[in-house]
Amino acid sequence: MDGIRRLMASDFAGPVNIGSDEMVTINHLAHLVMAIAGKKLSLCHIPGALGVRGRNSDNRLIEQKLAWRPARPLREGLEQTYSWIDQQVTKTASVEESTAQQVCTMTASS
């Protein structure tokens, strides 16, 4: 059973992190998403506070409460997430295009 299903089936009501425990910088994350999307964009670093150098998910609580930990690497999770989002955008665009065509047809025949 995956983490979300296990969490939903449990009686634990608190917030938990569910994510990769791989340490990643924002630059690395941006390049990873661009590679998955097949896009080449430039990154623009603006002056200001640097903040943290990297980030990862602290999964100790979900492991403690549900005896579960994420098993997929970050890239694999991002690939699946990107694919799902792309499908949703494509469906929405298709519905909007179909609706626009229907409106144009109705208007033209009036």
PDB file of N, CA and C in Angstrom:
ATOM      1  N   MET A   1       0.859  -1.176   0.000  1.00  0.00           N
ATOM      2  CA  MET A   1       0.000   0.000   0.000  1.00  0.00           C
ATOM      3  C   MET A   1       0.905   1.239   0.000  1.00  0.00           C
ATOM      4  N   ASP A   2       0.613   2.197  -0.852  1.00  0.00           N
ATOM      5  CA  ASP A   2       1.457   3.386  -0.902  1.00  0.00           C
ATOM      6  C   ASP A   2       1.161   4.318   0.275  1.00  0.00           C
ATOM      7  N   GLY A   3       2.004   5.343   0.436  1.00  0.00           N
ATOM      8  CA  GLY A   3       1.929   6.237   1.582  1.00  0.00           C
ATOM      9  C   GLY A   3       0.607   6.951   1.736  1.00  0.00           C
ATOM     10  N   ILE A   4       0.048   7.469   0.641  1.00  0.00           N
ATOM     11  CA  ILE A   4      -1.211   8.210   0.723  1.00  0.00           C
ATOM     12  C   ILE A   4      -2.338   7.286   1.173  1.00  0.00           C
ATOM     13  N   ARG A   5      -2.431   6.113   0.576  1.00  0.00           N
ATOM     14  CA  ARG A   5      -3.489   5.170   0.968  1.00  0.00           C
ATOM     15  C   ARG A   5      -3.316   4.734   2.416  1.00  0.00           C
ATOM     16  N   ARG A   6      -2.083   4.471   2.806  1.00  0.00           N
ATOM     17  CA  ARG A   6      -1.817   4.055   4.186  1.00  0.00           C
ATOM     18  C   ARG A   6      -2.191   5.180   5.148  1.00  0.00           C
ATOM     19  N   LEU A   7      -1.854   6.421   4.785  1.00  0.00           N
ATOM     20  CA  LEU A   7      -2.176   7.567   5.626  1.00  0.00           C
ATOM     21  C   LEU A   7      -3.688   7.742   5.749  1.00  0.00           C
ATOM     22  N   MET A   8      -4.395   7.632   4.636  1.00  0.00           N
ATOM     23  CA  MET A   8      -5.846   7.810   4.636  1.00  0.00           C
ATOM     24  C   MET A   8      -6.539   6.708   5.444  1.00  0.00           C
ATOM     25  N   ALA A   9      -5.979   5.518   5.453  1.00  0.00           N
ATOM     26  CA  ALA A   9      -6.587   4.405   6.170  1.00  0.00           C
ATOM     27  C   ALA A   9      -6.237   4.410   7.662  1.00  0.00           C
ATOM     28  N   SER A  10      -5.292   5.243   8.068  1.00  0.00           N
ATOM     29  CA  SER A  10      -4.862   5.261   9.461  1.00  0.00           C
ATOM     30  C   SER A  10      -5.752   6.199  10.287  1.00  0.00           C
ATOM     31  N   ASP A  11      -5.585   6.155  11.598  1.00  0.00           N
ATOM     32  CA  ASP A  11      -6.301   7.086  12.462  1.00  0.00           C
ATOM     33  C   ASP A  11      -5.428   8.286  12.838  1.00  0.00           C
ATOM     34  N   PHE A  12      -4.257   8.394  12.225  1.00  0.00           N
ATOM     35  CA  PHE A  12      -3.367   9.526  12.486  1.00  0.00           C
ATOM     36  C   PHE A  12      -3.913  10.769  11.785  1.00  0.00           C
ATOM     37  N   ALA A  13      -4.068  11.876  12.545  1.00  0.00           N
ATOM     38  CA  ALA A  13      -4.706  13.067  11.990  1.00  0.00           C
ATOM     39  C   ALA A  13      -3.749  14.235  11.787  1.00  0.00           C
ATOM     40  N   GLY A  14      -2.487  14.059  12.101  1.00  0.00           N
ATOM     41  CA  GLY A  14      -1.550  15.178  12.000  1.00  0.00           C
ATOM     42  C   GLY A  14      -0.973  15.349  10.610  1.00  0.00           C
ATOM     43  N   PRO A  15      -0.340  16.496  10.381  1.00  0.00           N
ATOM     44  CA  PRO A  15       0.325  16.705   9.096  1.00  0.00           C
ATOM     45  C   PRO A  15       1.638  15.923   9.039  1.00  0.00           C
ATOM     46  N   VAL A  16       1.959  15.418   7.867  1.00  0.00           N
ATOM     47  CA  VAL A  16       3.219  14.693   7.670  1.00  0.00           C
ATOM     48  C   VAL A  16       3.843  15.108   6.347  1.00  0.00           C
ATOM     49  N   ASN A  17       5.148  14.999   6.277  1.00  0.00           N
ATOM     50  CA  ASN A  17       5.854  15.198   5.019  1.00  0.00           C
ATOM     51  C   ASN A  17       5.856  13.887   4.252  1.00  0.00           C
ATOM     52  N   ILE A  18       5.599  13.974   2.971  1.00  0.00           N
ATOM     53  CA  ILE A  18       5.709  12.812   2.096  1.00  0.00           C
ATOM     54  C   ILE A  18       6.510  13.276   0.896  1.00  0.00           C
ATOM     55  N   GLY A  19       7.732  12.848   0.814  1.00  0.00           N
ATOM     56  CA  GLY A  19       8.564  13.292  -0.296  1.00  0.00           C
ATOM     57  C   GLY A  19       9.907  12.612  -0.271  1.00  0.00           C
ATOM     58  N   SER A  20      10.728  12.995  -1.188  1.00  0.00           N
ATOM     59  CA  SER A  20      12.054  12.420  -1.300  1.00  0.00           C
ATOM     60  C   SER A  20      12.955  12.967  -0.209  1.00  0.00           C
ATOM     61  N   ASP A  21      13.756  12.087   0.365  1.00  0.00           N
ATOM     62  CA  ASP A  21      14.721  12.563   1.346  1.00  0.00           C
ATOM     63  C   ASP A  21      16.054  12.917   0.686  1.00  0.00           C
ATOM     64  N   GLU A  22      16.064  12.945  -0.660  1.00  0.00           N
ATOM     65  CA  GLU A  22      17.266  13.350  -1.392  1.00  0.00           C
ATOM     66  C   GLU A  22      17.485  14.853  -1.211  1.00  0.00           C
ATOM     67  N   MET A  23      18.680  15.241  -0.800  1.00  0.00           N
ATOM     68  CA  MET A  23      19.018  16.657  -0.674  1.00  0.00           C
ATOM     69  C   MET A  23      19.143  17.239  -2.081  1.00  0.00           C
ATOM     70  N   VAL A  24      18.468  18.362  -2.322  1.00  0.00           N
ATOM     71  CA  VAL A  24      18.466  18.952  -3.651  1.00  0.00           C
ATOM     72  C   VAL A  24      18.488  20.478  -3.529  1.00  0.00           C
ATOM     73  N   THR A  25      19.241  21.121  -4.395  1.00  0.00           N
ATOM     74  CA  THR A  25      19.231  22.583  -4.442  1.00  0.00           C
ATOM     75  C   THR A  25      18.111  23.026  -5.375  1.00  0.00           C
ATOM     76  N   ILE A  26      17.714  24.267  -5.264  1.00  0.00           N
ATOM     77  CA  ILE A  26      16.684  24.805  -6.156  1.00  0.00           C
ATOM     78  C   ILE A  26      17.190  24.766  -7.608  1.00  0.00           C
ATOM     79  N   ASN A  27      18.469  25.083  -7.831  1.00  0.00           N
ATOM     80  CA  ASN A  27      19.026  25.002  -9.184  1.00  0.00           C
ATOM     81  C   ASN A  27      18.904  23.588  -9.740  1.00  0.00           C
ATOM     82  N   HIS A  28      19.285  22.605  -8.934  1.00  0.00           N
ATOM     83  CA  HIS A  28      19.204  21.211  -9.375  1.00  0.00           C
ATOM     84  C   HIS A  28      17.755  20.831  -9.671  1.00  0.00           C
ATOM     85  N   LEU A  29      16.846  21.232  -8.784  1.00  0.00           N
ATOM     86  CA  LEU A  29      15.427  20.934  -8.979  1.00  0.00           C
ATOM     87  C   LEU A  29      14.915  21.569 -10.271  1.00  0.00           C
ATOM     88  N   ALA A  30      15.292  22.817 -10.516  1.00  0.00           N
ATOM     89  CA  ALA A  30      14.862  23.500 -11.739  1.00  0.00           C
ATOM     90  C   ALA A  30      15.386  22.777 -12.975  1.00  0.00           C
ATOM     91  N   HIS A  31      16.654  22.395 -12.972  1.00  0.00           N
ATOM     92  CA  HIS A  31      17.234  21.675 -14.121  1.00  0.00           C
ATOM     93  C   HIS A  31      16.593  20.303 -14.303  1.00  0.00           C
ATOM     94  N   LEU A  32      16.271  19.650 -13.203  1.00  0.00           N
ATOM     95  CA  LEU A  32      15.619  18.345 -13.269  1.00  0.00           C
ATOM     96  C   LEU A  32      14.239  18.467 -13.915  1.00  0.00           C
ATOM     97  N   VAL A  33      13.459  19.447 -13.492  1.00  0.00           N
ATOM     98  CA  VAL A  33      12.118  19.642 -14.064  1.00  0.00           C
ATOM     99  C   VAL A  33      12.222  20.041 -15.536  1.00  0.00           C
ATOM    100  N   MET A  34      13.177  20.905 -15.872  1.00  0.00           N
ATOM    101  CA  MET A  34      13.354  21.273 -17.283  1.00  0.00           C
ATOM    102  C   MET A  34      13.689  20.052 -18.132  1.00  0.00           C
ATOM    103  N   ALA A  35      14.538  19.166 -17.619  1.00  0.00           N
ATOM    104  CA  ALA A  35      14.906  17.956 -18.361  1.00  0.00           C
ATOM    105  C   ALA A  35      13.678  17.061 -18.553  1.00  0.00           C
ATOM    106  N   ILE A  36      12.879  16.898 -17.527  1.00  0.00           N
ATOM    107  CA  ILE A  36      11.675  16.064 -17.617  1.00  0.00           C
ATOM    108  C   ILE A  36      10.684  16.667 -18.609  1.00  0.00           C
ATOM    109  N   ALA A  37      10.550  17.998 -18.593  1.00  0.00           N
ATOM    110  CA  ALA A  37       9.603  18.686 -19.481  1.00  0.00           C
ATOM    111  C   ALA A  37      10.138  18.861 -20.892  1.00  0.00           C
ATOM    112  N   GLY A  38      11.425  18.581 -21.082  1.00  0.00           N
ATOM    113  CA  GLY A  38      12.023  18.789 -22.395  1.00  0.00           C
ATOM    114  C   GLY A  38      12.143  20.260 -22.746  1.00  0.00           C
ATOM    115  N   LYS A  39      12.354  21.098 -21.747  1.00  0.00           N
ATOM    116  CA  LYS A  39      12.455  22.551 -21.934  1.00  0.00           C
ATOM    117  C   LYS A  39      13.856  23.019 -21.591  1.00  0.00           C
ATOM    118  N   LYS A  40      14.308  24.037 -22.261  1.00  0.00           N
ATOM    119  CA  LYS A  40      15.588  24.662 -21.944  1.00  0.00           C
ATOM    120  C   LYS A  40      15.303  26.113 -21.604  1.00  0.00           C
ATOM    121  N   LEU A  41      15.405  26.440 -20.343  1.00  0.00           N
ATOM    122  CA  LEU A  41      15.150  27.792 -19.863  1.00  0.00           C
ATOM    123  C   LEU A  41      16.402  28.299 -19.157  1.00  0.00           C
ATOM    124  N   SER A  42      16.522  29.596 -19.050  1.00  0.00           N
ATOM    125  CA  SER A  42      17.643  30.134 -18.294  1.00  0.00           C
ATOM    126  C   SER A  42      17.179  30.469 -16.889  1.00  0.00           C
ATOM    127  N   LEU A  43      18.062  30.293 -15.944  1.00  0.00           N
ATOM    128  CA  LEU A  43      17.752  30.620 -14.559  1.00  0.00           C
ATOM    129  C   LEU A  43      18.264  32.025 -14.273  1.00  0.00           C
ATOM    130  N   CYS A  44      17.499  32.761 -13.528  1.00  0.00           N
ATOM    131  CA  CYS A  44      17.867  34.130 -13.190  1.00  0.00           C
ATOM    132  C   CYS A  44      18.002  34.227 -11.679  1.00  0.00           C
ATOM    133  N   HIS A  45      19.203  34.493 -11.225  1.00  0.00           N
ATOM    134  CA  HIS A  45      19.443  34.637  -9.795  1.00  0.00           C
ATOM    135  C   HIS A  45      19.373  36.118  -9.446  1.00  0.00           C
ATOM    136  N   ILE A  46      18.516  36.454  -8.520  1.00  0.00           N
ATOM    137  CA  ILE A  46      18.344  37.851  -8.146  1.00  0.00           C
ATOM    138  C   ILE A  46      19.075  38.132  -6.832  1.00  0.00           C
ATOM    139  N   PRO A  47      19.485  39.362  -6.639  1.00  0.00           N
ATOM    140  CA  PRO A  47      20.180  39.691  -5.386  1.00  0.00           C
ATOM    141  C   PRO A  47      19.238  39.549  -4.195  1.00  0.00           C
ATOM    142  N   GLY A  48      19.797  39.197  -3.078  1.00  0.00           N
ATOM    143  CA  GLY A  48      19.009  39.076  -1.864  1.00  0.00           C
ATOM    144  C   GLY A  48      19.572  38.008  -0.960  1.00  0.00           C
ATOM    145  N   ALA A  49      18.846  37.722   0.083  1.00  0.00           N
ATOM    146  CA  ALA A  49      19.274  36.700   1.030  1.00  0.00           C
ATOM    147  C   ALA A  49      19.365  35.344   0.335  1.00  0.00           C
ATOM    148  N   LEU A  50      20.362  34.569   0.702  1.00  0.00           N
ATOM    149  CA  LEU A  50      20.557  33.276   0.057  1.00  0.00           C
ATOM    150  C   LEU A  50      19.666  32.186   0.632  1.00  0.00           C
ATOM    151  N   GLY A  51      19.318  32.276   1.881  1.00  0.00           N
ATOM    152  CA  GLY A  51      18.479  31.235   2.471  1.00  0.00           C
ATOM    153  C   GLY A  51      19.217  29.917   2.557  1.00  0.00           C
ATOM    154  N   VAL A  52      18.466  28.821   2.567  1.00  0.00           N
ATOM    155  CA  VAL A  52      19.082  27.500   2.682  1.00  0.00           C
ATOM    156  C   VAL A  52      19.694  27.088   1.354  1.00  0.00           C
ATOM    157  N   ARG A  53      20.716  26.268   1.410  1.00  0.00           N
ATOM    158  CA  ARG A  53      21.422  25.824   0.201  1.00  0.00           C
ATOM    159  C   ARG A  53      20.768  24.619  -0.465  1.00  0.00           C
ATOM    160  N   GLY A  54      19.976  23.884   0.273  1.00  0.00           N
ATOM    161  CA  GLY A  54      19.329  22.695  -0.268  1.00  0.00           C
ATOM    162  C   GLY A  54      18.160  22.320   0.603  1.00  0.00           C
ATOM    163  N   ARG A  55      17.354  21.393   0.112  1.00  0.00           N
ATOM    164  CA  ARG A  55      16.155  21.009   0.837  1.00  0.00           C
ATOM    165  C   ARG A  55      15.890  19.534   0.580  1.00  0.00           C
ATOM    166  N   ASN A  56      15.347  18.868   1.579  1.00  0.00           N
ATOM    167  CA  ASN A  56      14.855  17.508   1.418  1.00  0.00           C
ATOM    168  C   ASN A  56      13.696  17.310   2.386  1.00  0.00           C
ATOM    169  N   SER A  57      12.987  16.225   2.229  1.00  0.00           N
ATOM    170  CA  SER A  57      11.823  15.960   3.070  1.00  0.00           C
ATOM    171  C   SER A  57      12.249  15.162   4.302  1.00  0.00           C
ATOM    172  N   ASP A  58      11.802  15.606   5.452  1.00  0.00           N
ATOM    173  CA  ASP A  58      12.044  14.878   6.694  1.00  0.00           C
ATOM    174  C   ASP A  58      10.879  13.926   6.888  1.00  0.00           C
ATOM    175  N   ASN A  59      11.100  12.663   6.613  1.00  0.00           N
ATOM    176  CA  ASN A  59      10.034  11.656   6.624  1.00  0.00           C
ATOM    177  C   ASN A  59       9.991  10.841   7.908  1.00  0.00           C
ATOM    178  N   ARG A  60      10.658  11.299   8.957  1.00  0.00           N
ATOM    179  CA  ARG A  60      10.704  10.511  10.190  1.00  0.00           C
ATOM    180  C   ARG A  60       9.316  10.296  10.792  1.00  0.00           C
ATOM    181  N   LEU A  61       8.457  11.310  10.767  1.00  0.00           N
ATOM    182  CA  LEU A  61       7.144  11.184  11.404  1.00  0.00           C
ATOM    183  C   LEU A  61       6.271  10.149  10.699  1.00  0.00           C
ATOM    184  N   ILE A  62       6.212  10.192   9.388  1.00  0.00           N
ATOM    185  CA  ILE A  62       5.373   9.218   8.675  1.00  0.00           C
ATOM    186  C   ILE A  62       5.930   7.811   8.830  1.00  0.00           C
ATOM    187  N   GLU A  63       7.259   7.697   8.903  1.00  0.00           N
ATOM    188  CA  GLU A  63       7.854   6.386   9.126  1.00  0.00           C
ATOM    189  C   GLU A  63       7.520   5.881  10.533  1.00  0.00           C
ATOM    190  N   GLN A  64       7.546   6.776  11.505  1.00  0.00           N
ATOM    191  CA  GLN A  64       7.231   6.412  12.887  1.00  0.00           C
ATOM    192  C   GLN A  64       5.751   6.052  13.048  1.00  0.00           C
ATOM    193  N   LYS A  65       4.857   6.850  12.471  1.00  0.00           N
ATOM    194  CA  LYS A  65       3.421   6.645  12.662  1.00  0.00           C
ATOM    195  C   LYS A  65       2.843   5.526  11.807  1.00  0.00           C
ATOM    196  N   LEU A  66       3.367   5.366  10.592  1.00  0.00           N
ATOM    197  CA  LEU A  66       2.761   4.410   9.662  1.00  0.00           C
ATOM    198  C   LEU A  66       3.696   3.290   9.212  1.00  0.00           C
ATOM    199  N   ALA A  67       4.923   3.305   9.732  1.00  0.00           N
ATOM    200  CA  ALA A  67       5.918   2.300   9.329  1.00  0.00           C
ATOM    201  C   ALA A  67       6.067   2.264   7.804  1.00  0.00           C
ATOM    202  N   TRP A  68       6.119   3.446   7.220  1.00  0.00           N
ATOM    203  CA  TRP A  68       6.234   3.565   5.759  1.00  0.00           C
ATOM    204  C   TRP A  68       7.197   4.683   5.424  1.00  0.00           C
ATOM    205  N   ARG A  69       7.922   4.523   4.345  1.00  0.00           N
ATOM    206  CA  ARG A  69       8.770   5.606   3.855  1.00  0.00           C
ATOM    207  C   ARG A  69       8.731   5.617   2.333  1.00  0.00           C
ATOM    208  N   PRO A  70       8.821   6.803   1.728  1.00  0.00           N
ATOM    209  CA  PRO A  70       8.811   6.887   0.265  1.00  0.00           C
ATOM    210  C   PRO A  70       9.952   6.055  -0.325  1.00  0.00           C
ATOM    211  N   ALA A  71       9.654   5.322  -1.382  1.00  0.00           N
ATOM    212  CA  ALA A  71      10.652   4.437  -1.984  1.00  0.00           C
ATOM    213  C   ALA A  71      11.136   4.921  -3.344  1.00  0.00           C
ATOM    214  N   ARG A  72      10.393   5.819  -3.969  1.00  0.00           N
ATOM    215  CA  ARG A  72      10.765   6.277  -5.309  1.00  0.00           C
ATOM    216  C   ARG A  72      11.784   7.415  -5.228  1.00  0.00           C
ATOM    217  N   PRO A  73      12.730   7.438  -6.143  1.00  0.00           N
ATOM    218  CA  PRO A  73      13.654   8.571  -6.200  1.00  0.00           C
ATOM    219  C   PRO A  73      12.925   9.834  -6.665  1.00  0.00           C
ATOM    220  N   LEU A  74      13.474  10.978  -6.338  1.00  0.00           N
ATOM    221  CA  LEU A  74      12.869  12.264  -6.681  1.00  0.00           C
ATOM    222  C   LEU A  74      12.541  12.359  -8.162  1.00  0.00           C
ATOM    223  N   ARG A  75      13.488  12.020  -9.015  1.00  0.00           N
ATOM    224  CA  ARG A  75      13.252  12.140 -10.464  1.00  0.00           C
ATOM    225  C   ARG A  75      12.045  11.316 -10.906  1.00  0.00           C
ATOM    226  N   GLU A  76      11.931  10.107 -10.417  1.00  0.00           N
ATOM    227  CA  GLU A  76      10.808   9.251 -10.806  1.00  0.00           C
ATOM    228  C   GLU A  76       9.476   9.858 -10.352  1.00  0.00           C
ATOM    229  N   GLY A  77       9.432  10.373  -9.138  1.00  0.00           N
ATOM    230  CA  GLY A  77       8.220  11.019  -8.646  1.00  0.00           C
ATOM    231  C   GLY A  77       7.867  12.252  -9.451  1.00  0.00           C
ATOM    232  N   LEU A  78       8.875  13.043  -9.806  1.00  0.00           N
ATOM    233  CA  LEU A  78       8.627  14.239 -10.622  1.00  0.00           C
ATOM    234  C   LEU A  78       8.148  13.862 -12.021  1.00  0.00           C
ATOM    235  N   GLU A  79       8.719  12.802 -12.592  1.00  0.00           N
ATOM    236  CA  GLU A  79       8.281  12.356 -13.923  1.00  0.00           C
ATOM    237  C   GLU A  79       6.804  11.959 -13.898  1.00  0.00           C
ATOM    238  N   GLN A  80       6.401  11.214 -12.874  1.00  0.00           N
ATOM    239  CA  GLN A  80       5.002  10.800 -12.773  1.00  0.00           C
ATOM    240  C   GLN A  80       4.094  12.002 -12.533  1.00  0.00           C
ATOM    241  N   THR A  81       4.528  12.923 -11.686  1.00  0.00           N
ATOM    242  CA  THR A  81       3.733  14.118 -11.400  1.00  0.00           C
ATOM    243  C   THR A  81       3.611  14.984 -12.644  1.00  0.00           C
ATOM    244  N   TYR A  82       4.713  15.189 -13.367  1.00  0.00           N
ATOM    245  CA  TYR A  82       4.683  16.005 -14.583  1.00  0.00           C
ATOM    246  C   TYR A  82       3.748  15.378 -15.621  1.00  0.00           C
ATOM    247  N   SER A  83       3.829  14.076 -15.770  1.00  0.00           N
ATOM    248  CA  SER A  83       2.974  13.386 -16.739  1.00  0.00           C
ATOM    249  C   SER A  83       1.500  13.580 -16.388  1.00  0.00           C
ATOM    250  N   TRP A  84       1.157  13.452 -15.096  1.00  0.00           N
ATOM    251  CA  TRP A  84      -0.230  13.621 -14.670  1.00  0.00           C
ATOM    252  C   TRP A  84      -0.699  15.053 -14.930  1.00  0.00           C
ATOM    253  N   ILE A  85       0.112  16.038 -14.575  1.00  0.00           N
ATOM    254  CA  ILE A  85      -0.255  17.445 -14.796  1.00  0.00           C
ATOM    255  C   ILE A  85      -0.429  17.713 -16.277  1.00  0.00           C
ATOM    256  N   ASP A  86       0.478  17.196 -17.103  1.00  0.00           N
ATOM    257  CA  ASP A  86       0.389  17.383 -18.553  1.00  0.00           C
ATOM    258  C   ASP A  86      -0.917  16.807 -19.098  1.00  0.00           C
ATOM    259  N   GLN A  87      -1.318  15.642 -18.601  1.00  0.00           N
ATOM    260  CA  GLN A  87      -2.588  15.036 -19.023  1.00  0.00           C
ATOM    261  C   GLN A  87      -3.775  15.911 -18.621  1.00  0.00           C
ATOM    262  N   GLN A  88      -3.739  16.474 -17.414  1.00  0.00           N
ATOM    263  CA  GLN A  88      -4.834  17.332 -16.953  1.00  0.00           C
ATOM    264  C   GLN A  88      -4.925  18.598 -17.799  1.00  0.00           C
ATOM    265  N   VAL A  89      -3.786  19.186 -18.118  1.00  0.00           N
ATOM    266  CA  VAL A  89      -3.769  20.407 -18.938  1.00  0.00           C
ATOM    267  C   VAL A  89      -4.300  20.093 -20.333  1.00  0.00           C
ATOM    268  N   THR A  90      -3.893  18.956 -20.886  1.00  0.00           N
ATOM    269  CA  THR A  90      -4.357  18.555 -22.220  1.00  0.00           C
ATOM    270  C   THR A  90      -5.867  18.340 -22.218  1.00  0.00           C
ATOM    271  N   LYS A  91      -6.396  17.670 -21.186  1.00  0.00           N
ATOM    272  CA  LYS A  91      -7.849  17.452 -21.086  1.00  0.00           C
ATOM    273  C   LYS A  91      -8.588  18.783 -21.000  1.00  0.00           C
ATOM    274  N   THR A  92      -8.093  19.683 -20.158  1.00  0.00           N
ATOM    275  CA  THR A  92      -8.735  20.985 -19.977  1.00  0.00           C
ATOM    276  C   THR A  92      -8.717  21.776 -21.273  1.00  0.00           C
ATOM    277  N   ALA A  93      -7.576  21.773 -21.958  1.00  0.00           N
ATOM    278  CA  ALA A  93      -7.464  22.501 -23.221  1.00  0.00           C
ATOM    279  C   ALA A  93      -8.415  21.916 -24.255  1.00  0.00           C
ATOM    280  N   SER A  94      -8.547  20.596 -24.271  1.00  0.00           N
ATOM    281  CA  SER A  94      -9.443  19.938 -25.213  1.00  0.00           C
ATOM    282  C   SER A  94     -10.902  20.308 -24.935  1.00  0.00           C
ATOM    283  N   VAL A  95     -11.287  20.309 -23.673  1.00  0.00           N
ATOM    284  CA  VAL A  95     -12.654  20.680 -23.297  1.00  0.00           C
ATOM    285  C   VAL A  95     -12.918  22.141 -23.645  1.00  0.00           C
ATOM    286  N   GLU A  96     -11.963  23.022 -23.342  1.00  0.00           N
ATOM    287  CA  GLU A  96     -12.137  24.441 -23.645  1.00  0.00           C
ATOM    288  C   GLU A  96     -12.235  24.673 -25.156  1.00  0.00           C
ATOM    289  N   GLU A  97     -11.431  23.954 -25.936  1.00  0.00           N
ATOM    290  CA  GLU A  97     -11.473  24.099 -27.393  1.00  0.00           C
ATOM    291  C   GLU A  97     -12.810  23.605 -27.931  1.00  0.00           C
ATOM    292  N   SER A  98     -13.277  22.469 -27.418  1.00  0.00           N
ATOM    293  CA  SER A  98     -14.560  21.917 -27.843  1.00  0.00           C
ATOM    294  C   SER A  98     -15.705  22.873 -27.503  1.00  0.00           C
ATOM    295  N   THR A  99     -15.663  23.446 -26.301  1.00  0.00           N
ATOM    296  CA  THR A  99     -16.690  24.398 -25.883  1.00  0.00           C
ATOM    297  C   THR A  99     -16.675  25.628 -26.773  1.00  0.00           C
ATOM    298  N   ALA A 100     -15.486  26.130 -27.078  1.00  0.00           N
ATOM    299  CA  ALA A 100     -15.363  27.311 -27.942  1.00  0.00           C
ATOM    300  C   ALA A 100     -15.910  27.014 -29.338  1.00  0.00           C
ATOM    301  N   GLN A 101     -15.645  25.812 -29.857  1.00  0.00           N
ATOM    302  CA  GLN A 101     -16.158  25.442 -31.176  1.00  0.00           C
ATOM    303  C   GLN A 101     -17.676  25.366 -31.160  1.00  0.00           C
ATOM    304  N   GLN A 102     -18.248  24.831 -30.070  1.00  0.00           N
ATOM    305  CA  GLN A 102     -19.703  24.753 -29.959  1.00  0.00           C
ATOM    306  C   GLN A 102     -20.319  26.141 -29.914  1.00  0.00           C
ATOM    307  N   VAL A 103     -19.709  27.046 -29.170  1.00  0.00           N
ATOM    308  CA  VAL A 103     -20.222  28.417 -29.068  1.00  0.00           C
ATOM    309  C   VAL A 103     -20.147  29.097 -30.433  1.00  0.00           C
ATOM    310  N   CYS A 104     -19.022  28.901 -31.140  1.00  0.00           N
ATOM    311  CA  CYS A 104     -18.880  29.519 -32.465  1.00  0.00           C
ATOM    312  C   CYS A 104     -19.910  28.969 -33.442  1.00  0.00           C
ATOM    313  N   THR A 105     -20.153  27.646 -33.371  1.00  0.00           N
ATOM    314  CA  THR A 105     -21.135  27.012 -34.248  1.00  0.00           C
ATOM    315  C   THR A 105     -22.531  27.545 -33.947  1.00  0.00           C
ATOM    316  N   MET A 106     -22.856  27.652 -32.656  1.00  0.00           N
ATOM    317  CA  MET A 106     -24.182  28.155 -32.267  1.00  0.00           C
ATOM    318  C   MET A 106     -24.345  29.609 -32.703  1.00  0.00           C
ATOM    319  N   THR A 107     -23.314  30.402 -32.566  1.00  0.00           N
ATOM    320  CA  THR A 107     -23.372  31.805 -32.938  1.00  0.00           C
ATOM    321  C   THR A 107     -23.504  31.961 -34.441  1.00  0.00           C
ATOM    322  N   ALA A 108     -22.761  31.142 -35.187  1.00  0.00           N
ATOM    323  CA  ALA A 108     -22.796  31.237 -36.652  1.00  0.00           C
ATOM    324  C   ALA A 108     -24.150  30.819 -37.220  1.00  0.00           C
ATOM    325  N   SER A 109     -24.818  29.878 -36.562  1.00  0.00           N
ATOM    326  CA  SER A 109     -26.098  29.406 -37.089  1.00  0.00           C
ATOM    327  C   SER A 109     -27.280  30.253 -36.608  1.00  0.00           C
ATOM    328  N   SER A 110     -27.030  31.192 -35.722  1.00  0.00           N
ATOM    329  CA  SER A 110     -28.127  32.051 -35.217  1.00  0.00           C
ATOM    330  C   SER A 110     -28.493  33.108 -36.202  1.00  0.00           C
TER     331      SER A 110
END
